[in-house]
Amino acid sequence: MHAATTAEPRAMGLPISNGKLAMWLFLATEIMFFSGLIGGYIVNRFGLPVWPTPAQVHLVEWMGAVNTFVLICSSVTIVLAYKAMTQQHVGKALQFIFLTMALGGVFMVIKVVEYRGKYDHNVIPGRVREVADAGYAKELREITVPALQALADTAEQKAYVGKLEAFSKELTEGTLSTTRALRRARELEEEFHKVFGHSHEVHLPQLIPMGNLWASWYFTLTGIHALHVLGGMVIFTIMLLMAAAGKFGPERVKFVELSGLYWHFVDIVWIFLFPLLYLLG
């Protein structure tokens, strides 16, 4: 009777391994970290009266879409690597791990190309002109107007150049308020494309309201995410080096599983960043 009624001894602690518990705690801190960043961006994005469109800051939507597809594919390959490890197919698992790392490399290469585009267009924090001021007027007067005067053939084009000269003079004299100057600059920019088209190398000075704040958010969010992608690639490189040294066998299945959890989190973060940065214009 005593043997039948005595409860079986229970193991102390949570019903998961210490490694998985540590990984989930780490991911919980990462979720709080990125939630604060993304939340701050959303407050600025929807709380300010003016915000740059993707076209104004030279965002290439198809590059962001390709990177999204690449990361989703990499989540699939790391799952396949874990499945192969559970079946003790180490060689096959290593192939999927290498493919996952390669996809992460593709993501980073595209991101470098995007960053180079921002640098080429001067869309970096602290260097974006946000208002039509004396500096804007000087660039109009010394660079844009002389270049357009050399290109102007029709009466319409010559009249437009006259408008730019008059606008430059008003900005220099300070007769326009900041709001009116910005509105006038936008009107002249739209008229420029109608009069001169898009084929010439001459452009009006770049003017992006809230451009510096946008650039700060863009490089902070995507830069920190890129560092996380790079960290995952380092982990996969360690796996491949261990395999080359003959120290990566079926007993490393937990290593692959925990690394996969981290990689899935990195992919999910990008799925939030892509529509926020690239699609909401």
Protein backbone atom coordinates (compact mmCIF):
# COMPACT_ATOMS: atom_id res chain seq x y z
CA MET A 1 0.00 0.00 0.00
CA HIS A 2 2.83 2.37 0.88
CA ALA A 3 4.58 1.69 -2.42
CA ALA A 4 1.40 2.28 -4.41
CA THR A 5 0.59 5.64 -2.84
CA THR A 6 4.07 7.21 -2.63
CA ALA A 7 4.55 9.95 -5.23
CA GLU A 8 7.42 9.63 -7.67
CA PRO A 9 10.33 12.01 -7.02
CA ARG A 10 10.30 15.09 -9.28
CA ALA A 11 13.31 16.78 -10.80
CA MET A 12 13.95 20.34 -9.70
CA GLY A 13 13.99 23.18 -12.23
CA LEU A 14 12.25 23.95 -15.50
CA PRO A 15 11.49 21.14 -17.96
CA ILE A 16 14.02 22.48 -20.51
CA SER A 17 17.77 22.32 -20.71
CA ASN A 18 19.94 25.01 -19.15
CA GLY A 19 21.22 25.99 -22.59
CA LYS A 20 17.76 26.53 -24.03
CA LEU A 21 16.67 28.46 -20.91
CA ALA A 22 19.71 30.73 -21.24
CA MET A 23 18.99 31.31 -24.93
CA TRP A 24 15.35 32.23 -24.28
CA LEU A 25 16.39 34.64 -21.52
CA PHE A 26 18.91 36.22 -23.90
CA LEU A 27 16.28 36.52 -26.64
CA ALA A 28 13.88 38.10 -24.12
CA THR A 29 16.41 40.88 -23.49
CA GLU A 30 16.88 41.27 -27.25
CA ILE A 31 13.13 41.56 -27.75
CA MET A 32 12.97 44.35 -25.17
CA PHE A 33 15.94 46.09 -26.81
CA PHE A 34 14.52 46.06 -30.32
CA SER A 35 11.01 46.84 -29.07
CA GLY A 36 12.33 50.09 -27.61
CA LEU A 37 14.12 51.00 -30.83
CA ILE A 38 11.25 50.13 -33.13
CA GLY A 39 8.75 51.80 -30.80
CA GLY A 40 10.80 55.01 -30.81
CA TYR A 41 10.91 54.96 -34.60
CA ILE A 42 7.14 54.45 -34.84
CA VAL A 43 6.51 57.39 -32.49
CA ASN A 44 8.64 59.67 -34.69
CA ARG A 45 7.34 58.24 -37.96
CA PHE A 46 3.65 58.73 -37.17
CA GLY A 47 3.90 61.54 -34.64
CA LEU A 48 5.70 64.16 -36.74
CA PRO A 49 3.86 66.23 -39.36
CA VAL A 50 6.56 65.62 -42.00
CA TRP A 51 8.52 62.44 -42.72
CA PRO A 52 10.68 61.52 -45.74
CA THR A 53 9.29 59.13 -48.32
CA PRO A 54 11.41 56.15 -49.45
CA ALA A 55 12.02 57.89 -52.80
CA GLN A 56 13.32 61.06 -51.11
CA VAL A 57 15.94 59.14 -49.13
CA HIS A 58 16.84 56.89 -52.08
CA LEU A 59 15.60 53.65 -50.58
CA VAL A 60 15.45 50.83 -53.13
CA GLU A 61 12.42 48.74 -52.23
CA TRP A 62 13.40 45.73 -54.32
CA MET A 63 16.71 45.43 -52.47
CA GLY A 64 14.87 45.32 -49.15
CA ALA A 65 12.46 42.75 -50.58
CA VAL A 66 15.32 40.57 -51.82
CA ASN A 67 16.97 40.73 -48.41
CA THR A 68 13.68 39.70 -46.79
CA PHE A 69 13.44 36.69 -49.11
CA VAL A 70 17.08 35.80 -48.44
CA LEU A 71 16.60 35.77 -44.67
CA ILE A 72 13.40 33.72 -44.91
CA CYS A 73 15.28 31.16 -47.01
CA SER A 74 18.08 31.11 -44.43
CA SER A 75 15.55 30.29 -41.70
CA VAL A 76 14.46 27.31 -43.77
CA THR A 77 18.03 26.07 -44.28
CA ILE A 78 18.91 26.24 -40.58
CA VAL A 79 15.78 24.22 -39.78
CA LEU A 80 16.86 21.64 -42.35
CA ALA A 81 20.32 21.60 -40.74
CA TYR A 82 18.78 20.87 -37.32
CA LYS A 83 16.59 18.14 -38.79
CA ALA A 84 19.63 16.51 -40.40
CA MET A 85 21.49 16.64 -37.07
CA THR A 86 18.63 14.92 -35.25
CA GLN A 87 18.86 12.16 -37.87
CA GLN A 88 22.66 12.04 -37.36
CA HIS A 89 23.34 13.15 -40.95
CA VAL A 90 26.20 15.45 -39.98
CA GLY A 91 27.53 15.97 -43.50
CA LYS A 92 24.14 17.02 -44.78
CA ALA A 93 23.66 19.32 -41.79
CA LEU A 94 26.98 21.03 -42.49
CA GLN A 95 25.88 21.69 -46.07
CA PHE A 96 22.76 23.45 -44.83
CA ILE A 97 24.79 25.37 -42.23
CA PHE A 98 27.14 26.58 -44.96
CA LEU A 99 24.16 27.58 -47.11
CA THR A 100 22.67 29.51 -44.17
CA MET A 101 25.94 31.37 -43.67
CA ALA A 102 26.14 32.10 -47.41
CA LEU A 103 22.63 33.56 -47.40
CA GLY A 104 23.62 35.74 -44.46
CA GLY A 105 26.58 36.89 -46.56
CA VAL A 106 24.26 37.81 -49.43
CA PHE A 107 22.18 39.88 -47.01
CA MET A 108 25.28 41.74 -45.81
CA VAL A 109 26.53 42.44 -49.34
CA ILE A 110 23.19 43.96 -50.34
CA LYS A 111 23.20 46.03 -47.17
CA VAL A 112 26.68 47.36 -47.98
CA VAL A 113 25.44 48.36 -51.46
CA GLU A 114 22.50 50.18 -49.85
CA TYR A 115 24.77 51.98 -47.40
CA ARG A 116 27.02 53.05 -50.25
CA GLY A 117 23.98 54.50 -52.04
CA LYS A 118 23.10 56.56 -48.97
CA TYR A 119 26.69 57.82 -48.76
CA ASP A 120 26.75 58.73 -52.45
CA HIS A 121 23.53 60.75 -52.07
CA ASN A 122 24.76 62.32 -48.79
CA VAL A 123 21.83 60.83 -46.87
CA ILE A 124 23.77 60.33 -43.66
CA PRO A 125 23.15 61.83 -40.19
CA GLY A 126 24.20 65.44 -39.83
CA ARG A 127 24.73 66.05 -43.55
CA VAL A 128 21.18 66.23 -44.92
CA ARG A 129 19.84 69.71 -45.78
CA GLU A 130 16.39 69.94 -44.22
CA VAL A 131 15.39 73.57 -44.92
CA ALA A 132 15.74 76.02 -47.79
CA ASP A 133 18.23 78.44 -46.22
CA ALA A 134 21.17 80.61 -47.25
CA GLY A 135 23.28 77.54 -47.96
CA TYR A 136 20.58 76.22 -50.27
CA ALA A 137 20.45 79.61 -52.01
CA LYS A 138 24.23 79.66 -52.46
CA GLU A 139 24.22 76.23 -54.12
CA LEU A 140 21.39 77.36 -56.39
CA ARG A 141 23.19 80.54 -57.36
CA GLU A 142 26.69 79.11 -57.83
CA ILE A 143 26.05 75.61 -59.19
CA THR A 144 22.50 74.89 -60.34
CA VAL A 145 21.57 78.14 -62.10
CA PRO A 146 24.77 78.41 -64.21
CA ALA A 147 24.45 74.75 -65.24
CA LEU A 148 20.81 75.16 -66.23
CA GLN A 149 21.54 78.37 -68.11
CA ALA A 150 23.91 76.40 -70.31
CA LEU A 151 21.23 73.76 -70.94
CA ALA A 152 18.21 76.06 -71.40
CA ASP A 153 17.07 76.10 -75.03
CA THR A 154 13.37 76.88 -74.91
CA ALA A 155 11.59 79.93 -73.56
CA GLU A 156 9.97 77.77 -70.88
CA GLN A 157 13.33 76.53 -69.65
CA LYS A 158 14.81 80.03 -69.60
CA ALA A 159 11.79 81.30 -67.66
CA TYR A 160 12.26 78.52 -65.13
CA VAL A 161 15.91 79.49 -64.62
CA GLY A 162 14.69 83.03 -63.93
CA LYS A 163 12.39 81.70 -61.23
CA LEU A 164 15.31 79.89 -59.58
CA GLU A 165 17.38 83.10 -59.61
CA ALA A 166 14.51 85.04 -58.01
CA PHE A 167 14.02 82.33 -55.39
CA SER A 168 17.72 82.33 -54.58
CA LYS A 169 17.61 86.10 -54.08
CA GLU A 170 14.59 85.86 -51.75
CA LEU A 171 16.34 83.22 -49.64
CA THR A 172 19.50 85.29 -49.42
CA GLU A 173 17.54 88.38 -48.34
CA GLY A 174 15.52 86.35 -45.82
CA THR A 175 12.13 87.56 -47.03
CA LEU A 176 10.52 84.08 -46.85
CA SER A 177 9.51 82.15 -43.76
CA THR A 178 10.88 78.63 -43.30
CA THR A 179 7.54 77.06 -44.18
CA ARG A 180 6.99 79.19 -47.29
CA ALA A 181 10.57 78.64 -48.45
CA LEU A 182 10.20 74.88 -48.12
CA ARG A 183 6.87 74.90 -49.96
CA ARG A 184 8.34 77.03 -52.75
CA ALA A 185 11.37 74.74 -53.06
CA ARG A 186 9.06 71.74 -53.43
CA GLU A 187 7.03 73.50 -56.12
CA LEU A 188 10.17 74.39 -58.08
CA GLU A 189 11.44 70.82 -57.75
CA GLU A 190 8.24 69.45 -59.28
CA GLU A 191 8.38 72.06 -62.05
CA PHE A 192 12.02 71.21 -62.72
CA HIS A 193 11.15 67.64 -63.73
CA LYS A 194 8.39 68.89 -66.01
CA VAL A 195 10.57 71.49 -67.75
CA PHE A 196 13.93 69.72 -67.95
CA GLY A 197 12.90 66.07 -67.56
CA HIS A 198 15.05 63.42 -65.88
CA SER A 199 17.76 62.95 -68.47
CA HIS A 200 20.15 65.72 -67.38
CA GLU A 201 22.90 65.36 -64.79
CA VAL A 202 21.94 68.73 -63.29
CA HIS A 203 19.69 68.55 -60.22
CA LEU A 204 18.34 70.98 -57.69
CA PRO A 205 20.06 70.95 -54.29
CA GLN A 206 18.83 68.04 -52.20
CA LEU A 207 16.24 69.03 -49.63
CA ILE A 208 14.79 66.40 -47.25
CA PRO A 209 12.69 67.65 -44.32
CA MET A 210 13.45 65.49 -41.25
CA GLY A 211 16.16 63.82 -43.31
CA ASN A 212 18.78 63.82 -40.55
CA LEU A 213 16.41 62.21 -38.07
CA TRP A 214 15.40 59.61 -40.65
CA ALA A 215 19.04 58.82 -41.45
CA SER A 216 19.82 58.45 -37.74
CA TRP A 217 16.99 55.97 -37.29
CA TYR A 218 17.81 54.09 -40.50
CA PHE A 219 21.48 53.53 -39.72
CA THR A 220 20.77 52.74 -36.06
CA LEU A 221 18.07 50.14 -36.76
CA THR A 222 19.64 48.48 -39.79
CA GLY A 223 23.17 48.78 -38.41
CA ILE A 224 22.38 47.03 -35.13
CA HIS A 225 20.42 44.38 -37.02
CA ALA A 226 23.36 43.87 -39.40
CA LEU A 227 25.64 43.33 -36.39
CA HIS A 228 23.30 40.58 -35.21
CA VAL A 229 23.40 38.99 -38.67
CA LEU A 230 27.19 39.15 -38.55
CA GLY A 231 27.15 37.51 -35.12
CA GLY A 232 25.09 34.61 -36.50
CA MET A 233 27.54 34.20 -39.38
CA VAL A 234 30.39 33.99 -36.85
CA ILE A 235 28.55 31.18 -35.06
CA PHE A 236 28.09 29.26 -38.30
CA THR A 237 31.76 29.79 -39.15
CA ILE A 238 32.72 28.29 -35.77
CA MET A 239 30.59 25.24 -36.58
CA LEU A 240 32.35 24.77 -39.91
CA LEU A 241 35.78 25.17 -38.29
CA MET A 242 34.86 22.61 -35.66
CA ALA A 243 33.82 20.23 -38.44
CA ALA A 244 37.13 20.78 -40.21
CA ALA A 245 38.91 19.88 -36.95
CA GLY A 246 36.80 16.72 -36.54
CA LYS A 247 34.99 18.05 -33.46
CA PHE A 248 31.49 18.40 -34.87
CA GLY A 249 29.38 15.28 -34.53
CA PRO A 250 25.80 14.30 -33.67
CA GLU A 251 26.41 15.38 -30.07
CA ARG A 252 26.39 19.02 -31.31
CA VAL A 253 22.67 18.90 -32.11
CA LYS A 254 21.89 21.29 -29.21
CA PHE A 255 24.44 23.75 -30.55
CA VAL A 256 22.62 23.80 -33.88
CA GLU A 257 19.21 24.07 -32.23
CA LEU A 258 20.13 27.05 -30.04
CA SER A 259 21.89 28.79 -32.92
CA GLY A 260 18.75 28.29 -34.99
CA LEU A 261 16.63 29.97 -32.32
CA TYR A 262 18.91 33.00 -32.42
CA TRP A 263 18.87 33.10 -36.23
CA HIS A 264 15.07 32.96 -36.35
CA PHE A 265 14.92 35.95 -34.01
CA VAL A 266 17.25 37.93 -36.29
CA ASP A 267 15.01 37.11 -39.27
CA ILE A 268 11.84 38.14 -37.43
CA VAL A 269 13.33 41.52 -36.52
CA TRP A 270 14.02 42.22 -40.21
CA ILE A 271 10.46 41.27 -41.11
CA PHE A 272 9.38 44.17 -38.88
CA LEU A 273 12.02 46.59 -40.18
CA PHE A 274 11.37 46.01 -43.87
CA PRO A 275 7.79 47.36 -44.07
CA LEU A 276 8.46 50.14 -41.55
CA LEU A 277 11.46 51.53 -43.43
CA TYR A 278 10.84 50.58 -47.04
CA LEU A 279 7.09 50.40 -47.64
CA LEU A 280 5.43 53.08 -45.50
CA GLY A 281 5.91 56.20 -47.61
